[in-house]
C-alpha atoms as a PDB file:
ATOM      1  CA  UNK A   1      -0.161   0.067  -0.299  1.00  0.00           C
ATOM      2  CA  UNK A   2       1.481   3.589  -0.927  1.00  0.00           C
ATOM      3  CA  UNK A   3      -0.332   6.804  -0.172  1.00  0.00           C
ATOM      4  CA  UNK A   4      -0.103   8.345  -3.780  1.00  0.00           C
ATOM      5  CA  UNK A   5      -0.732  12.064  -5.857  1.00  0.00           C
ATOM      6  CA  UNK A   6      -4.551  11.175  -7.120  1.00  0.00           C
ATOM      7  CA  UNK A   7      -6.351  13.779  -6.300  1.00  0.00           C
ATOM      8  CA  UNK A   8      -4.252  14.925  -3.421  1.00  0.00           C
ATOM      9  CA  UNK A   9      -2.668  12.138  -1.011  1.00  0.00           C
ATOM     10  CA  UNK A  10      -4.463   8.936  -1.914  1.00  0.00           C
ATOM     11  CA  UNK A  11      -3.740   5.660  -0.221  1.00  0.00           C
ATOM     12  CA  UNK A  12      -3.610   2.180  -3.019  1.00  0.00           C
ATOM     13  CA  UNK A  13      -3.205  -1.274  -3.355  1.00  0.00           C
ATOM     14  CA  UNK A  14      -0.704  -1.338  -5.959  1.00  0.00           C
ATOM     15  CA  UNK A  15      -1.260  -4.460  -8.111  1.00  0.00           C
ATOM     16  CA  UNK A  16       1.848  -4.599 -10.724  1.00  0.00           C
ATOM     17  CA  UNK A  17       2.352  -3.278 -13.881  1.00  0.00           C
ATOM     18  CA  UNK A  18       1.346   0.352 -13.186  1.00  0.00           C
ATOM     19  CA  UNK A  19      -1.938  -0.535 -11.727  1.00  0.00           C
ATOM     20  CA  UNK A  20      -3.257   0.183  -8.417  1.00  0.00           C
ATOM     21  CA  UNK A  21      -7.045  -0.290  -7.427  1.00  0.00           C
ATOM     22  CA  UNK A  22      -7.662   3.543  -4.507  1.00  0.00           C
ATOM     23  CA  UNK A  23      -8.273   2.556  -0.747  1.00  0.00           C
ATOM     24  CA  UNK A  24     -12.524   4.448  -0.127  1.00  0.00           C
ATOM     25  CA  UNK A  25     -14.997   4.084   2.035  1.00  0.00           C
ATOM     26  CA  UNK A  26     -16.828   1.782   2.510  1.00  0.00           C
ATOM     27  CA  UNK A  27     -20.122   2.002   1.211  1.00  0.00           C
ATOM     28  CA  UNK A  28     -23.137   2.799   3.622  1.00  0.00           C
ATOM     29  CA  UNK A  29     -25.764   1.191   3.455  1.00  0.00           C
ATOM     30  CA  UNK A  30     -28.216   3.333   1.988  1.00  0.00           C
ATOM     31  CA  UNK A  31     -24.815   3.553  -0.847  1.00  0.00           C
ATOM     32  CA  UNK A  32     -25.214  -0.226  -1.072  1.00  0.00           C
ATOM     33  CA  UNK A  33     -29.699  -0.105  -1.841  1.00  0.00           C
ATOM     34  CA  UNK A  34     -30.304  -2.013  -5.017  1.00  0.00           C
ATOM     35  CA  UNK A  35     -26.810  -3.203  -4.724  1.00  0.00           C
ATOM     36  CA  UNK A  36     -25.439  -6.724  -4.316  1.00  0.00           C
ATOM     37  CA  UNK A  37     -22.167  -6.171  -2.274  1.00  0.00           C
ATOM     38  CA  UNK A  38     -19.783  -9.157  -0.172  1.00  0.00           C
ATOM     39  CA  UNK A  39     -17.293  -8.294   2.217  1.00  0.00           C
ATOM     40  CA  UNK A  40     -14.162  -9.740   0.224  1.00  0.00           C
ATOM     41  CA  UNK A  41     -13.679 -12.778   2.483  1.00  0.00           C
ATOM     42  CA  UNK A  42     -17.163 -14.005   1.212  1.00  0.00           C
ATOM     43  CA  UNK A  43     -16.362 -14.054  -2.092  1.00  0.00           C
ATOM     44  CA  UNK A  44     -12.600 -15.525  -1.228  1.00  0.00           C
ATOM     45  CA  UNK A  45     -14.093 -18.762   0.995  1.00  0.00           C
ATOM     46  CA  UNK A  46     -17.199 -19.501  -2.359  1.00  0.00           C
ATOM     47  CA  UNK A  47     -16.064 -17.902  -5.598  1.00  0.00           C
ATOM     48  CA  UNK A  48     -19.710 -18.936  -6.505  1.00  0.00           C
ATOM     49  CA  UNK A  49     -21.474 -16.259  -4.543  1.00  0.00           C
ATOM     50  CA  UNK A  50     -21.397 -13.598  -6.826  1.00  0.00           C
ATOM     51  CA  UNK A  51     -23.245 -15.614  -9.868  1.00  0.00           C
ATOM     52  CA  UNK A  52     -25.465 -16.335  -7.745  1.00  0.00           C
ATOM     53  CA  UNK A  53     -26.676 -12.959  -6.559  1.00  0.00           C
ATOM     54  CA  UNK A  54     -29.760 -11.821  -7.307  1.00  0.00           C
ATOM     55  CA  UNK A  55     -30.626 -11.041 -11.246  1.00  0.00           C
ATOM     56  CA  UNK A  56     -32.542  -8.149 -10.703  1.00  0.00           C
ATOM     57  CA  UNK A  57     -29.336  -6.241  -8.287  1.00  0.00           C
ATOM     58  CA  UNK A  58     -28.150  -3.483 -10.124  1.00  0.00           C
ATOM     59  CA  UNK A  59     -24.525  -3.709  -9.303  1.00  0.00           C
ATOM     60  CA  UNK A  60     -22.774  -6.541  -7.844  1.00  0.00           C
ATOM     61  CA  UNK A  61     -19.175  -6.452  -6.388  1.00  0.00           C
ATOM     62  CA  UNK A  62     -16.806  -6.590  -3.139  1.00  0.00           C
ATOM     63  CA  UNK A  63     -15.558  -4.598  -0.512  1.00  0.00           C
ATOM     64  CA  UNK A  64     -12.332  -5.859   0.275  1.00  0.00           C
ATOM     65  CA  UNK A  65     -10.915  -4.251   4.403  1.00  0.00           C
ATOM     66  CA  UNK A  66      -8.320  -2.685   4.540  1.00  0.00           C
ATOM     67  CA  UNK A  67      -7.753  -2.186   8.092  1.00  0.00           C
ATOM     68  CA  UNK A  68      -7.545   1.313   9.236  1.00  0.00           C
ATOM     69  CA  UNK A  69      -8.230   3.003   5.968  1.00  0.00           C
ATOM     70  CA  UNK A  70     -10.767   1.526   4.108  1.00  0.00           C
ATOM     71  CA  UNK A  71     -11.617  -0.802   1.351  1.00  0.00           C
ATOM     72  CA  UNK A  72     -10.708  -1.463  -1.906  1.00  0.00           C
ATOM     73  CA  UNK A  73     -14.393  -1.726  -3.550  1.00  0.00           C
ATOM     74  CA  UNK A  74     -14.319  -3.631  -7.292  1.00  0.00           C
ATOM     75  CA  UNK A  75     -17.592  -4.652  -9.322  1.00  0.00           C
ATOM     76  CA  UNK A  76     -18.639  -8.021 -10.824  1.00  0.00           C
ATOM     77  CA  UNK A  77     -19.127  -7.802 -14.263  1.00  0.00           C
ATOM     78  CA  UNK A  78     -23.061  -8.080 -15.182  1.00  0.00           C
ATOM     79  CA  UNK A  79     -24.291  -8.562 -18.302  1.00  0.00           C
ATOM     80  CA  UNK A  80     -24.833  -5.041 -19.894  1.00  0.00           C
ATOM     81  CA  UNK A  81     -23.460  -3.066 -17.291  1.00  0.00           C
ATOM     82  CA  UNK A  82     -20.217  -1.606 -16.429  1.00  0.00           C
ATOM     83  CA  UNK A  83     -18.686  -0.123 -13.905  1.00  0.00           C
ATOM     84  CA  UNK A  84     -15.854   1.163 -12.361  1.00  0.00           C
ATOM     85  CA  UNK A  85     -13.326  -0.439  -9.729  1.00  0.00           C
ATOM     86  CA  UNK A  86     -10.965   2.824  -9.192  1.00  0.00           C
ATOM     87  CA  UNK A  87      -8.928   0.969 -11.116  1.00  0.00           C
ATOM     88  CA  UNK A  88      -5.773   3.685 -12.391  1.00  0.00           C
ATOM     89  CA  UNK A  89      -2.578   3.526 -13.944  1.00  0.00           C
ATOM     90  CA  UNK A  90       0.753   5.241 -11.969  1.00  0.00           C
ATOM     91  CA  UNK A  91       4.572   5.541 -12.424  1.00  0.00           C
ATOM     92  CA  UNK A  92       7.119   6.557  -9.756  1.00  0.00           C
ATOM     93  CA  UNK A  93       6.785  10.020  -9.292  1.00  0.00           C
ATOM     94  CA  UNK A  94       2.806   9.706  -8.625  1.00  0.00           C
ATOM     95  CA  UNK A  95       4.126   7.384  -5.636  1.00  0.00           C
ATOM     96  CA  UNK A  96       4.790   9.904  -2.418  1.00  0.00           C
ATOM     97  CA  UNK A  97       5.571   6.975   0.660  1.00  0.00           C
ATOM     98  CA  UNK A  98       5.039   3.137   0.855  1.00  0.00           C
ATOM     99  CA  UNK A  99       1.814   2.506   4.144  1.00  0.00           C
ATOM    100  CA  UNK A 100       3.126  -1.160   4.844  1.00  0.00           C
ATOM    101  CA  UNK A 101       2.409  -4.297   3.182  1.00  0.00           C
ATOM    102  CA  UNK A 102      -0.970  -6.037   3.285  1.00  0.00           C
ATOM    103  CA  UNK A 103      -1.987  -9.078   5.601  1.00  0.00           C
ATOM    104  CA  UNK A 104      -1.762 -12.219   2.705  1.00  0.00           C
ATOM    105  CA  UNK A 105      -4.813 -12.784   3.968  1.00  0.00           C
ATOM    106  CA  UNK A 106      -6.396  -9.142   2.192  1.00  0.00           C
ATOM    107  CA  UNK A 107      -3.710  -9.594  -0.391  1.00  0.00           C
ATOM    108  CA  UNK A 108      -5.281 -13.370  -1.051  1.00  0.00           C
ATOM    109  CA  UNK A 109      -8.816 -11.856  -1.073  1.00  0.00           C
ATOM    110  CA  UNK A 110      -8.362  -8.782  -3.764  1.00  0.00           C
ATOM    111  CA  UNK A 111      -6.236 -10.952  -6.011  1.00  0.00           C
ATOM    112  CA  UNK A 112     -10.004 -13.624  -5.991  1.00  0.00           C
ATOM    113  CA  UNK A 113     -12.199 -10.287  -5.918  1.00  0.00           C
ATOM    114  CA  UNK A 114      -9.964  -9.100  -9.036  1.00  0.00           C
ATOM    115  CA  UNK A 115     -10.049 -12.027 -10.943  1.00  0.00           C
ATOM    116  CA  UNK A 116     -13.422 -12.457 -10.475  1.00  0.00           C
ATOM    117  CA  UNK A 117     -14.097  -8.865 -11.855  1.00  0.00           C
ATOM    118  CA  UNK A 118     -11.640  -9.372 -15.048  1.00  0.00           C
ATOM    119  CA  UNK A 119     -12.746 -13.644 -15.724  1.00  0.00           C
ATOM    120  CA  UNK A 120     -10.429 -12.295 -18.752  1.00  0.00           C
ATOM    121  CA  UNK A 121      -6.934 -11.901 -17.150  1.00  0.00           C
ATOM    122  CA  UNK A 122      -7.400 -14.908 -14.933  1.00  0.00           C
END
């Protein structure tokens, strides 16, 4: 995890190859209305959850908790719908300083949800 210059000082998780995802505030219950949002742990333990979510939901995704900073919110693809996952490209000049290294369980959850969000990548 790093602090990066993105609209001010923003915490990000580096994914490799210059890709990063922003850490954001968890969605409130009001923001989740009409959406299905799993935890990273739920999806990492049962990858079929996203496929079995209510087809009438506006979107399906997961929030991987980044202790003390927020979540990485990832949307899963659904037929005919496109959603943002806050993925961005960074250069070395965008990085300010390292915050920490993610715990292995958090990395496992994040790897799972990112793979499910981009089935062609995995």
